[in-house]
PDB file of N, CA and C in Angstrom:
ATOM      1  N   UNK A   1      21.266  27.039 -11.728  1.00  0.00           N
ATOM      2  CA  UNK A   1      20.725  26.907 -10.394  1.00  0.00           C
ATOM      3  C   UNK A   1      19.203  26.745 -10.432  1.00  0.00           C
ATOM      4  N   UNK A   2      18.571  27.357 -11.406  1.00  0.00           N
ATOM      5  CA  UNK A   2      17.123  27.251 -11.548  1.00  0.00           C
ATOM      6  C   UNK A   2      16.708  25.820 -11.876  1.00  0.00           C
ATOM      7  N   UNK A   3      17.562  25.100 -12.610  1.00  0.00           N
ATOM      8  CA  UNK A   3      17.258  23.704 -12.943  1.00  0.00           C
ATOM      9  C   UNK A   3      17.232  22.824 -11.701  1.00  0.00           C
ATOM     10  N   UNK A   4      18.134  23.065 -10.773  1.00  0.00           N
ATOM     11  CA  UNK A   4      18.195  22.262  -9.546  1.00  0.00           C
ATOM     12  C   UNK A   4      16.933  22.487  -8.719  1.00  0.00           C
ATOM     13  N   UNK A   5      16.473  23.717  -8.640  1.00  0.00           N
ATOM     14  CA  UNK A   5      15.248  24.019  -7.905  1.00  0.00           C
ATOM     15  C   UNK A   5      14.060  23.321  -8.555  1.00  0.00           C
ATOM     16  N   UNK A   6      14.015  23.338  -9.873  1.00  0.00           N
ATOM     17  CA  UNK A   6      12.933  22.685 -10.601  1.00  0.00           C
ATOM     18  C   UNK A   6      12.955  21.170 -10.381  1.00  0.00           C
ATOM     19  N   UNK A   7      14.130  20.585 -10.388  1.00  0.00           N
ATOM     20  CA  UNK A   7      14.264  19.144 -10.167  1.00  0.00           C
ATOM     21  C   UNK A   7      13.829  18.787  -8.748  1.00  0.00           C
ATOM     22  N   UNK A   8      14.198  19.601  -7.773  1.00  0.00           N
ATOM     23  CA  UNK A   8      13.800  19.336  -6.388  1.00  0.00           C
ATOM     24  C   UNK A   8      12.281  19.414  -6.230  1.00  0.00           C
ATOM     25  N   UNK A   9      11.654  20.332  -6.929  1.00  0.00           N
ATOM     26  CA  UNK A   9      10.199  20.434  -6.872  1.00  0.00           C
ATOM     27  C   UNK A   9       9.549  19.198  -7.484  1.00  0.00           C
ATOM     28  N   UNK A  10      10.095  18.716  -8.587  1.00  0.00           N
ATOM     29  CA  UNK A  10       9.563  17.506  -9.224  1.00  0.00           C
ATOM     30  C   UNK A  10       9.703  16.291  -8.319  1.00  0.00           C
ATOM     31  N   UNK A  11      10.838  16.190  -7.641  1.00  0.00           N
ATOM     32  CA  UNK A  11      11.065  15.065  -6.729  1.00  0.00           C
ATOM     33  C   UNK A  11      10.090  15.131  -5.558  1.00  0.00           C
ATOM     34  N   UNK A  12       9.846  16.334  -5.021  1.00  0.00           N
ATOM     35  CA  UNK A  12       8.904  16.486  -3.911  1.00  0.00           C
ATOM     36  C   UNK A  12       7.495  16.082  -4.328  1.00  0.00           C
ATOM     37  N   UNK A  13       7.084  16.446  -5.521  1.00  0.00           N
ATOM     38  CA  UNK A  13       5.758  16.068  -6.012  1.00  0.00           C
ATOM     39  C   UNK A  13       5.697  14.567  -6.261  1.00  0.00           C
ATOM     40  N   UNK A  14       6.746  13.991  -6.814  1.00  0.00           N
ATOM     41  CA  UNK A  14       6.763  12.553  -7.104  1.00  0.00           C
ATOM     42  C   UNK A  14       6.689  11.734  -5.822  1.00  0.00           C
ATOM     43  N   UNK A  15       7.298  12.202  -4.754  1.00  0.00           N
ATOM     44  CA  UNK A  15       7.263  11.462  -3.493  1.00  0.00           C
ATOM     45  C   UNK A  15       5.882  11.466  -2.859  1.00  0.00           C
ATOM     46  N   UNK A  16       5.083  12.455  -3.164  1.00  0.00           N
ATOM     47  CA  UNK A  16       3.768  12.537  -2.546  1.00  0.00           C
ATOM     48  C   UNK A  16       2.690  11.865  -3.389  1.00  0.00           C
ATOM     49  N   UNK A  17       3.058  11.203  -4.466  1.00  0.00           N
ATOM     50  CA  UNK A  17       2.087  10.525  -5.330  1.00  0.00           C
ATOM     51  C   UNK A  17       2.212   9.014  -5.172  1.00  0.00           C
ATOM     52  N   UNK A  18       1.085   8.335  -5.345  1.00  0.00           N
ATOM     53  CA  UNK A  18       1.026   6.886  -5.198  1.00  0.00           C
ATOM     54  C   UNK A  18       0.452   6.300  -6.479  1.00  0.00           C
ATOM     55  N   UNK A  19       1.059   5.237  -6.978  1.00  0.00           N
ATOM     56  CA  UNK A  19       0.570   4.548  -8.166  1.00  0.00           C
ATOM     57  C   UNK A  19      -0.139   3.277  -7.734  1.00  0.00           C
ATOM     58  N   UNK A  20      -1.419   3.155  -8.094  1.00  0.00           N
ATOM     59  CA  UNK A  20      -2.215   1.964  -7.825  1.00  0.00           C
ATOM     60  C   UNK A  20      -2.518   1.291  -9.156  1.00  0.00           C
ATOM     61  N   UNK A  21      -2.270   0.000  -9.253  1.00  0.00           N
ATOM     62  CA  UNK A  21      -2.562  -0.766 -10.468  1.00  0.00           C
ATOM     63  C   UNK A  21      -3.602  -1.813 -10.111  1.00  0.00           C
ATOM     64  N   UNK A  22      -4.730  -1.746 -10.785  1.00  0.00           N
ATOM     65  CA  UNK A  22      -5.838  -2.656 -10.502  1.00  0.00           C
ATOM     66  C   UNK A  22      -5.465  -4.081 -10.921  1.00  0.00           C
ATOM     67  N   UNK A  23      -5.601  -5.051 -10.014  1.00  0.00           N
ATOM     68  CA  UNK A  23      -5.276  -6.435 -10.369  1.00  0.00           C
ATOM     69  C   UNK A  23      -6.325  -7.072 -11.285  1.00  0.00           C
ATOM     70  N   UNK A  24      -7.524  -6.500 -11.356  1.00  0.00           N
ATOM     71  CA  UNK A  24      -8.568  -7.060 -12.205  1.00  0.00           C
ATOM     72  C   UNK A  24      -8.462  -6.600 -13.650  1.00  0.00           C
ATOM     73  N   UNK A  25      -8.352  -5.271 -13.863  1.00  0.00           N
ATOM     74  CA  UNK A  25      -8.389  -4.748 -15.233  1.00  0.00           C
ATOM     75  C   UNK A  25      -7.068  -4.145 -15.694  1.00  0.00           C
ATOM     76  N   UNK A  26      -6.132  -3.934 -14.784  1.00  0.00           N
ATOM     77  CA  UNK A  26      -4.827  -3.390 -15.161  1.00  0.00           C
ATOM     78  C   UNK A  26      -4.792  -1.872 -15.271  1.00  0.00           C
ATOM     79  N   UNK A  27      -5.886  -1.203 -14.944  1.00  0.00           N
ATOM     80  CA  UNK A  27      -5.938   0.258 -14.995  1.00  0.00           C
ATOM     81  C   UNK A  27      -4.967   0.852 -13.980  1.00  0.00           C
ATOM     82  N   UNK A  28      -4.227   1.873 -14.395  1.00  0.00           N
ATOM     83  CA  UNK A  28      -3.289   2.546 -13.500  1.00  0.00           C
ATOM     84  C   UNK A  28      -3.925   3.813 -12.957  1.00  0.00           C
ATOM     85  N   UNK A  29      -3.770   4.036 -11.657  1.00  0.00           N
ATOM     86  CA  UNK A  29      -4.309   5.215 -10.992  1.00  0.00           C
ATOM     87  C   UNK A  29      -3.163   5.893 -10.249  1.00  0.00           C
ATOM     88  N   UNK A  30      -2.982   7.177 -10.479  1.00  0.00           N
ATOM     89  CA  UNK A  30      -1.988   7.953  -9.759  1.00  0.00           C
ATOM     90  C   UNK A  30      -2.730   8.972  -8.910  1.00  0.00           C
ATOM     91  N   UNK A  31      -2.552   8.888  -7.618  1.00  0.00           N
ATOM     92  CA  UNK A  31      -3.240   9.786  -6.685  1.00  0.00           C
ATOM     93  C   UNK A  31      -2.239  10.366  -5.698  1.00  0.00           C
ATOM     94  N   UNK A  32      -2.613  11.477  -5.099  1.00  0.00           N
ATOM     95  CA  UNK A  32      -1.791  12.062  -4.055  1.00  0.00           C
ATOM     96  C   UNK A  32      -1.943  11.255  -2.769  1.00  0.00           C
ATOM     97  N   UNK A  33      -0.855  11.104  -2.039  1.00  0.00           N
ATOM     98  CA  UNK A  33      -0.867  10.322  -0.807  1.00  0.00           C
ATOM     99  C   UNK A  33      -1.802  10.926   0.227  1.00  0.00           C
ATOM    100  N   UNK A  34      -1.900  12.256   0.277  1.00  0.00           N
ATOM    101  CA  UNK A  34      -2.780  12.897   1.259  1.00  0.00           C
ATOM    102  C   UNK A  34      -4.240  12.524   1.026  1.00  0.00           C
ATOM    103  N   UNK A  35      -4.649  12.425  -0.223  1.00  0.00           N
ATOM    104  CA  UNK A  35      -6.027  12.046  -0.540  1.00  0.00           C
ATOM    105  C   UNK A  35      -6.297  10.603  -0.117  1.00  0.00           C
ATOM    106  N   UNK A  36      -5.341   9.717  -0.353  1.00  0.00           N
ATOM    107  CA  UNK A  36      -5.526   8.309  -0.016  1.00  0.00           C
ATOM    108  C   UNK A  36      -5.410   8.057   1.482  1.00  0.00           C
ATOM    109  N   UNK A  37      -4.631   8.875   2.168  1.00  0.00           N
ATOM    110  CA  UNK A  37      -4.396   8.671   3.601  1.00  0.00           C
ATOM    111  C   UNK A  37      -5.698   8.758   4.399  1.00  0.00           C
ATOM    112  N   UNK A  38      -6.625   9.576   3.993  1.00  0.00           N
ATOM    113  CA  UNK A  38      -7.869   9.714   4.721  1.00  0.00           C
ATOM    114  C   UNK A  38      -8.967   8.777   4.251  1.00  0.00           C
ATOM    115  N   UNK A  39      -8.672   7.886   3.332  1.00  0.00           N
ATOM    116  CA  UNK A  39      -9.697   7.008   2.747  1.00  0.00           C
ATOM    117  C   UNK A  39      -9.547   5.578   3.237  1.00  0.00           C
ATOM    118  N   UNK A  40     -10.649   4.888   3.294  1.00  0.00           N
ATOM    119  CA  UNK A  40     -10.655   3.459   3.635  1.00  0.00           C
ATOM    120  C   UNK A  40     -10.549   2.623   2.370  1.00  0.00           C
ATOM    121  N   UNK A  41     -11.277   3.050   1.315  1.00  0.00           N
ATOM    122  CA  UNK A  41     -11.286   2.343   0.042  1.00  0.00           C
ATOM    123  C   UNK A  41     -10.999   3.313  -1.089  1.00  0.00           C
ATOM    124  N   UNK A  42     -10.491   2.774  -2.189  1.00  0.00           N
ATOM    125  CA  UNK A  42     -10.325   3.540  -3.426  1.00  0.00           C
ATOM    126  C   UNK A  42     -10.896   2.680  -4.546  1.00  0.00           C
ATOM    127  N   UNK A  43     -11.893   3.195  -5.244  1.00  0.00           N
ATOM    128  CA  UNK A  43     -12.574   2.427  -6.292  1.00  0.00           C
ATOM    129  C   UNK A  43     -11.864   2.594  -7.629  1.00  0.00           C
ATOM    130  N   UNK A  44     -11.697   1.489  -8.358  1.00  0.00           N
ATOM    131  CA  UNK A  44     -11.108   1.510  -9.692  1.00  0.00           C
ATOM    132  C   UNK A  44     -12.106   2.143 -10.655  1.00  0.00           C
ATOM    133  N   UNK A  45     -11.597   2.964 -11.568  1.00  0.00           N
ATOM    134  CA  UNK A  45     -12.461   3.640 -12.538  1.00  0.00           C
ATOM    135  C   UNK A  45     -12.351   3.032 -13.927  1.00  0.00           C
ATOM    136  N   UNK A  46     -11.816   1.818 -14.013  1.00  0.00           N
ATOM    137  CA  UNK A  46     -11.721   1.140 -15.299  1.00  0.00           C
ATOM    138  C   UNK A  46     -13.099   0.790 -15.841  1.00  0.00           C
ATOM    139  N   UNK A  47     -13.209   0.600 -17.152  1.00  0.00           N
ATOM    140  CA  UNK A  47     -14.486   0.290 -17.795  1.00  0.00           C
ATOM    141  C   UNK A  47     -15.050  -1.033 -17.269  1.00  0.00           C
ATOM    142  N   UNK A  48     -16.197  -0.942 -16.610  1.00  0.00           N
ATOM    143  CA  UNK A  48     -16.864  -2.135 -16.115  1.00  0.00           C
ATOM    144  C   UNK A  48     -16.181  -2.803 -14.936  1.00  0.00           C
ATOM    145  N   UNK A  49     -15.191  -2.186 -14.371  1.00  0.00           N
ATOM    146  CA  UNK A  49     -14.463  -2.783 -13.245  1.00  0.00           C
ATOM    147  C   UNK A  49     -15.052  -2.254 -11.942  1.00  0.00           C
ATOM    148  N   UNK A  50     -15.307  -3.152 -11.006  1.00  0.00           N
ATOM    149  CA  UNK A  50     -15.842  -2.731  -9.723  1.00  0.00           C
ATOM    150  C   UNK A  50     -14.888  -3.065  -8.578  1.00  0.00           C
ATOM    151  N   UNK A  51     -13.597  -3.169  -8.880  1.00  0.00           N
ATOM    152  CA  UNK A  51     -12.594  -3.486  -7.860  1.00  0.00           C
ATOM    153  C   UNK A  51     -12.410  -2.291  -6.928  1.00  0.00           C
ATOM    154  N   UNK A  52     -12.268  -2.570  -5.638  1.00  0.00           N
ATOM    155  CA  UNK A  52     -11.981  -1.528  -4.656  1.00  0.00           C
ATOM    156  C   UNK A  52     -10.695  -1.882  -3.937  1.00  0.00           C
ATOM    157  N   UNK A  53      -9.776  -0.938  -3.908  1.00  0.00           N
ATOM    158  CA  UNK A  53      -8.534  -1.115  -3.160  1.00  0.00           C
ATOM    159  C   UNK A  53      -8.843  -0.902  -1.682  1.00  0.00           C
ATOM    160  N   UNK A  54      -8.486  -1.861  -0.838  1.00  0.00           N
ATOM    161  CA  UNK A  54      -8.647  -1.720   0.605  1.00  0.00           C
ATOM    162  C   UNK A  54      -7.367  -1.079   1.126  1.00  0.00           C
ATOM    163  N   UNK A  55      -7.428   0.194   1.484  1.00  0.00           N
ATOM    164  CA  UNK A  55      -6.236   0.948   1.846  1.00  0.00           C
ATOM    165  C   UNK A  55      -5.783   0.715   3.275  1.00  0.00           C
ATOM    166  N   UNK A  56      -6.601   0.105   4.096  1.00  0.00           N
ATOM    167  CA  UNK A  56      -6.213  -0.144   5.478  1.00  0.00           C
ATOM    168  C   UNK A  56      -5.690  -1.548   5.707  1.00  0.00           C
ATOM    169  N   UNK A  57      -5.856  -2.424   4.756  1.00  0.00           N
ATOM    170  CA  UNK A  57      -5.400  -3.801   4.902  1.00  0.00           C
ATOM    171  C   UNK A  57      -3.892  -3.864   4.709  1.00  0.00           C
ATOM    172  N   UNK A  58      -3.237  -4.671   5.513  1.00  0.00           N
ATOM    173  CA  UNK A  58      -1.803  -4.831   5.400  1.00  0.00           C
ATOM    174  C   UNK A  58      -1.446  -5.741   4.249  1.00  0.00           C
ATOM    175  N   UNK A  59      -0.160  -6.047   4.106  1.00  0.00           N
ATOM    176  CA  UNK A  59       0.244  -6.942   3.029  1.00  0.00           C
ATOM    177  C   UNK A  59      -0.366  -8.331   3.216  1.00  0.00           C
ATOM    178  N   UNK A  60      -0.764  -8.903   2.117  1.00  0.00           N
ATOM    179  CA  UNK A  60      -1.401 -10.216   2.172  1.00  0.00           C
ATOM    180  C   UNK A  60      -0.347 -11.314   2.213  1.00  0.00           C
ATOM    181  N   UNK A  61      -0.551 -12.238   3.102  1.00  0.00           N
ATOM    182  CA  UNK A  61       0.314 -13.393   3.177  1.00  0.00           C
ATOM    183  C   UNK A  61      -0.525 -14.646   3.023  1.00  0.00           C
ATOM    184  N   UNK A  62       0.121 -15.748   2.841  1.00  0.00           N
ATOM    185  CA  UNK A  62      -0.634 -16.981   2.711  1.00  0.00           C
ATOM    186  C   UNK A  62      -1.105 -17.441   4.091  1.00  0.00           C
ATOM    187  N   UNK A  63      -2.031 -18.365   4.112  1.00  0.00           N
ATOM    188  CA  UNK A  63      -2.541 -18.897   5.376  1.00  0.00           C
ATOM    189  C   UNK A  63      -1.423 -19.600   6.139  1.00  0.00           C
ATOM    190  N   UNK A  64      -0.526 -20.241   5.417  1.00  0.00           N
ATOM    191  CA  UNK A  64       0.593 -20.925   6.058  1.00  0.00           C
ATOM    192  C   UNK A  64       1.527 -19.930   6.743  1.00  0.00           C
ATOM    193  N   UNK A  65       1.758 -18.780   6.115  1.00  0.00           N
ATOM    194  CA  UNK A  65       2.601 -17.756   6.732  1.00  0.00           C
ATOM    195  C   UNK A  65       1.947 -17.210   7.999  1.00  0.00           C
ATOM    196  N   UNK A  66       0.629 -17.036   7.974  1.00  0.00           N
ATOM    197  CA  UNK A  66      -0.087 -16.567   9.158  1.00  0.00           C
ATOM    198  C   UNK A  66      -0.021 -17.578  10.292  1.00  0.00           C
ATOM    199  N   UNK A  67      -0.158 -18.858   9.943  1.00  0.00           N
ATOM    200  CA  UNK A  67      -0.071 -19.913  10.952  1.00  0.00           C
ATOM    201  C   UNK A  67       1.333 -19.978  11.550  1.00  0.00           C
ATOM    202  N   UNK A  68       2.335 -19.854  10.713  1.00  0.00           N
ATOM    203  CA  UNK A  68       3.719 -19.884  11.201  1.00  0.00           C
ATOM    204  C   UNK A  68       3.987 -18.698  12.130  1.00  0.00           C
ATOM    205  N   UNK A  69       3.472 -17.541  11.795  1.00  0.00           N
ATOM    206  CA  UNK A  69       3.664 -16.369  12.657  1.00  0.00           C
ATOM    207  C   UNK A  69       2.957 -16.565  13.995  1.00  0.00           C
ATOM    208  N   UNK A  70       1.783 -17.178  13.982  1.00  0.00           N
ATOM    209  CA  UNK A  70       1.058 -17.438  15.232  1.00  0.00           C
ATOM    210  C   UNK A  70       1.829 -18.413  16.111  1.00  0.00           C
ATOM    211  N   UNK A  71       2.403 -19.464  15.524  1.00  0.00           N
ATOM    212  CA  UNK A  71       3.207 -20.420  16.289  1.00  0.00           C
ATOM    213  C   UNK A  71       4.442 -19.757  16.875  1.00  0.00           C
ATOM    214  N   UNK A  72       5.081 -18.866  16.112  1.00  0.00           N
ATOM    215  CA  UNK A  72       6.262 -18.161  16.639  1.00  0.00           C
ATOM    216  C   UNK A  72       5.879 -17.304  17.853  1.00  0.00           C
ATOM    217  N   UNK A  73       4.750 -16.620  17.767  1.00  0.00           N
ATOM    218  CA  UNK A  73       4.303 -15.806  18.907  1.00  0.00           C
ATOM    219  C   UNK A  73       3.970 -16.690  20.114  1.00  0.00           C
ATOM    220  N   UNK A  74       3.355 -17.836  19.849  1.00  0.00           N
ATOM    221  CA  UNK A  74       2.998 -18.758  20.922  1.00  0.00           C
ATOM    222  C   UNK A  74       4.243 -19.279  21.639  1.00  0.00           C
ATOM    223  N   UNK A  75       5.231 -19.741  20.872  1.00  0.00           N
ATOM    224  CA  UNK A  75       6.452 -20.267  21.482  1.00  0.00           C
ATOM    225  C   UNK A  75       7.279 -19.171  22.134  1.00  0.00           C
ATOM    226  N   UNK A  76       7.237 -17.975  21.591  1.00  0.00           N
ATOM    227  CA  UNK A  76       7.955 -16.860  22.212  1.00  0.00           C
ATOM    228  C   UNK A  76       7.365 -16.536  23.593  1.00  0.00           C
ATOM    229  N   UNK A  77       6.056 -16.726  23.723  1.00  0.00           N
ATOM    230  CA  UNK A  77       5.421 -16.474  25.009  1.00  0.00           C
ATOM    231  C   UNK A  77       5.766 -17.548  26.039  1.00  0.00           C
ATOM    232  N   UNK A  78       6.061 -18.764  25.585  1.00  0.00           N
ATOM    233  CA  UNK A  78       6.384 -19.871  26.493  1.00  0.00           C
ATOM    234  C   UNK A  78       7.832 -19.857  26.948  1.00  0.00           C
ATOM    235  N   UNK A  79       8.731 -19.354  26.134  1.00  0.00           N
ATOM    236  CA  UNK A  79      10.154 -19.378  26.459  1.00  0.00           C
ATOM    237  C   UNK A  79      10.456 -18.270  27.471  1.00  0.00           C
ATOM    238  N   UNK A  80      10.997 -18.652  28.627  1.00  0.00           N
ATOM    239  CA  UNK A  80      11.315 -17.618  29.624  1.00  0.00           C
ATOM    240  C   UNK A  80      12.512 -16.787  29.169  1.00  0.00           C
ATOM    241  N   UNK A  81      12.423 -15.499  29.402  1.00  0.00           N
ATOM    242  CA  UNK A  81      13.547 -14.618  29.064  1.00  0.00           C
ATOM    243  C   UNK A  81      14.403 -14.455  30.297  1.00  0.00           C
ATOM    244  N   UNK A  82      15.694 -14.565  30.097  1.00  0.00           N
ATOM    245  CA  UNK A  82      16.619 -14.582  31.203  1.00  0.00           C
ATOM    246  C   UNK A  82      17.023 -13.280  31.651  1.00  0.00           C
TER     247      UNK A  82
END
């Protein structure tokens, strides 16, 4: 029974951690979600790397995907709902 409690504690800790991998240098950073939640940026600590993770930016899409989403919103506004 003690093993199950230990496993549950490990799972709870694992869920509250976030893995960030720098796209410039490949450095891996593991941080607690609570620490990152209050931050706007997270700086990479790799040797000579000055990359900053923008934590408030949403997922990046291509310009074409953004244009397509704008057209969908535009046409949705024109179509009358019955």
